[in-house]
Amino acid sequence: MTVALYYNSRCPDCVRQAALTARMDWLGRVELRTDDSPLGEVPVGEIVVVDKQRSRVFTGVYATRQVCLQVPLLFLYGLALYLPPLRDFIGCGKPGCNGDACEI
């Protein structure tokens, strides 16, 4: 497994999306976790992704991109998230995020 996906287990949408991701991840590259992330408890409707190989933590659209790059059916969407116009449109939404990276 190359990334750990932390999500809030009390959020029905998060649980549904995590289950869908697990079904599409036939290579087993995404580890689903509901415990506290390295940043603490994951807020409802958000995810935290930890790249275990590089020891990096991602949130927002950057976390989504990391997951998409690991799941074969979502790979092209993950590549599209590198395009600045699409990335800026989707955005991170975090205060203080400069738009270049939302790495912690």
Protein backbone atom coordinates (compact mmCIF):
# COMPACT_ATOMS: atom_id res chain seq x y z
CA MET A 1 0.00 0.00 0.00
CA THR A 2 1.33 3.37 -0.86
CA VAL A 3 -1.19 5.78 0.67
CA ALA A 4 -3.37 5.81 3.76
CA LEU A 5 -6.76 7.53 3.34
CA TYR A 6 -8.15 8.89 6.60
CA TYR A 7 -11.85 9.78 6.66
CA ASN A 8 -14.57 10.44 9.23
CA SER A 9 -16.62 7.30 9.89
CA ARG A 10 -19.57 9.37 11.20
CA CYS A 11 -20.09 11.00 7.79
CA PRO A 12 -22.39 8.87 5.58
CA ASP A 13 -21.04 10.45 2.38
CA CYS A 14 -17.44 9.80 3.46
CA VAL A 15 -18.25 6.16 4.24
CA ARG A 16 -19.96 5.74 0.86
CA GLN A 17 -17.05 7.32 -1.03
CA ALA A 18 -14.50 5.24 0.89
CA ALA A 19 -16.40 2.04 0.05
CA LEU A 20 -16.54 3.04 -3.61
CA THR A 21 -12.80 3.77 -3.61
CA ALA A 22 -12.12 0.37 -2.03
CA ARG A 23 -14.16 -1.40 -4.73
CA MET A 24 -12.25 0.39 -7.51
CA ASP A 25 -8.84 -0.20 -5.89
CA TRP A 26 -8.19 -3.73 -7.13
CA LEU A 27 -4.43 -3.17 -6.82
CA GLY A 28 -4.71 -2.59 -3.06
CA ARG A 29 -2.79 0.68 -3.04
CA VAL A 30 -5.12 2.62 -0.73
CA GLU A 31 -5.44 1.78 2.95
CA LEU A 32 -8.72 3.08 4.42
CA ARG A 33 -8.43 4.38 7.98
CA THR A 34 -11.00 5.85 10.36
CA ASP A 35 -8.72 6.49 13.32
CA ASP A 36 -7.17 9.89 13.96
CA SER A 37 -4.90 11.09 11.17
CA PRO A 38 -1.46 12.61 11.82
CA LEU A 39 -3.30 15.96 11.86
CA GLY A 40 -5.84 14.80 14.45
CA GLU A 41 -9.50 13.98 13.96
CA VAL A 42 -10.63 14.27 10.35
CA PRO A 43 -13.50 16.77 9.98
CA VAL A 44 -16.77 15.59 8.42
CA GLY A 45 -16.64 15.81 4.63
CA GLU A 46 -12.85 15.96 4.40
CA ILE A 47 -10.01 13.50 3.92
CA VAL A 48 -6.37 13.34 4.92
CA VAL A 49 -3.98 11.27 2.83
CA VAL A 50 -0.56 10.09 3.98
CA ASP A 51 1.95 9.00 1.36
CA LYS A 52 3.84 6.35 3.29
CA GLN A 53 6.78 6.10 0.90
CA ARG A 54 7.58 9.81 0.98
CA SER A 55 6.22 10.50 4.50
CA ARG A 56 4.02 13.38 3.29
CA VAL A 57 0.56 14.45 4.39
CA PHE A 58 -2.02 15.92 1.98
CA THR A 59 -5.42 17.56 2.42
CA GLY A 60 -8.02 19.04 0.11
CA VAL A 61 -7.75 18.62 -3.65
CA TYR A 62 -4.16 17.45 -3.25
CA ALA A 63 -5.31 14.52 -1.11
CA THR A 64 -7.92 13.64 -3.73
CA ARG A 65 -5.25 13.75 -6.42
CA GLN A 66 -3.00 11.37 -4.47
CA VAL A 67 -5.82 8.83 -4.09
CA CYS A 68 -6.83 9.10 -7.75
CA LEU A 69 -3.28 8.41 -8.88
CA GLN A 70 -3.36 5.11 -6.96
CA VAL A 71 -6.76 3.85 -8.21
CA PRO A 72 -6.66 2.59 -11.82
CA LEU A 73 -10.16 3.79 -12.78
CA LEU A 74 -9.45 7.27 -11.40
CA PHE A 75 -5.91 7.67 -12.70
CA LEU A 76 -6.77 10.03 -15.58
CA TYR A 77 -8.81 12.22 -13.24
CA GLY A 78 -5.80 12.37 -10.92
CA LEU A 79 -3.62 13.53 -13.80
CA ALA A 80 -6.21 16.17 -14.73
CA LEU A 81 -5.97 17.56 -11.19
CA TYR A 82 -2.41 18.65 -12.02
CA LEU A 83 -3.81 21.19 -14.49
CA PRO A 84 -3.85 24.58 -12.72
CA PRO A 85 -7.24 25.76 -14.11
CA LEU A 86 -9.01 22.61 -12.93
CA ARG A 87 -7.11 22.50 -9.64
CA ASP A 88 -7.92 26.16 -8.94
CA PHE A 89 -11.59 25.65 -9.87
CA ILE A 90 -11.96 22.74 -7.47
CA GLY A 91 -9.69 24.39 -4.93
CA CYS A 92 -8.72 23.44 -1.47
CA GLY A 93 -10.94 25.72 0.56
CA LYS A 94 -8.53 25.81 3.48
CA PRO A 95 -7.65 29.17 4.99
CA GLY A 96 -4.03 29.99 4.32
CA CYS A 97 -3.69 27.61 1.38
CA ASN A 98 -1.70 29.40 -1.28
CA GLY A 99 -3.05 27.38 -4.21
CA ASP A 100 0.30 25.80 -5.06
CA ALA A 101 0.23 23.03 -2.51
CA CYS A 102 -1.73 22.08 0.51
CA GLU A 103 0.90 19.77 1.92
CA ILE A 104 1.33 19.81 5.64
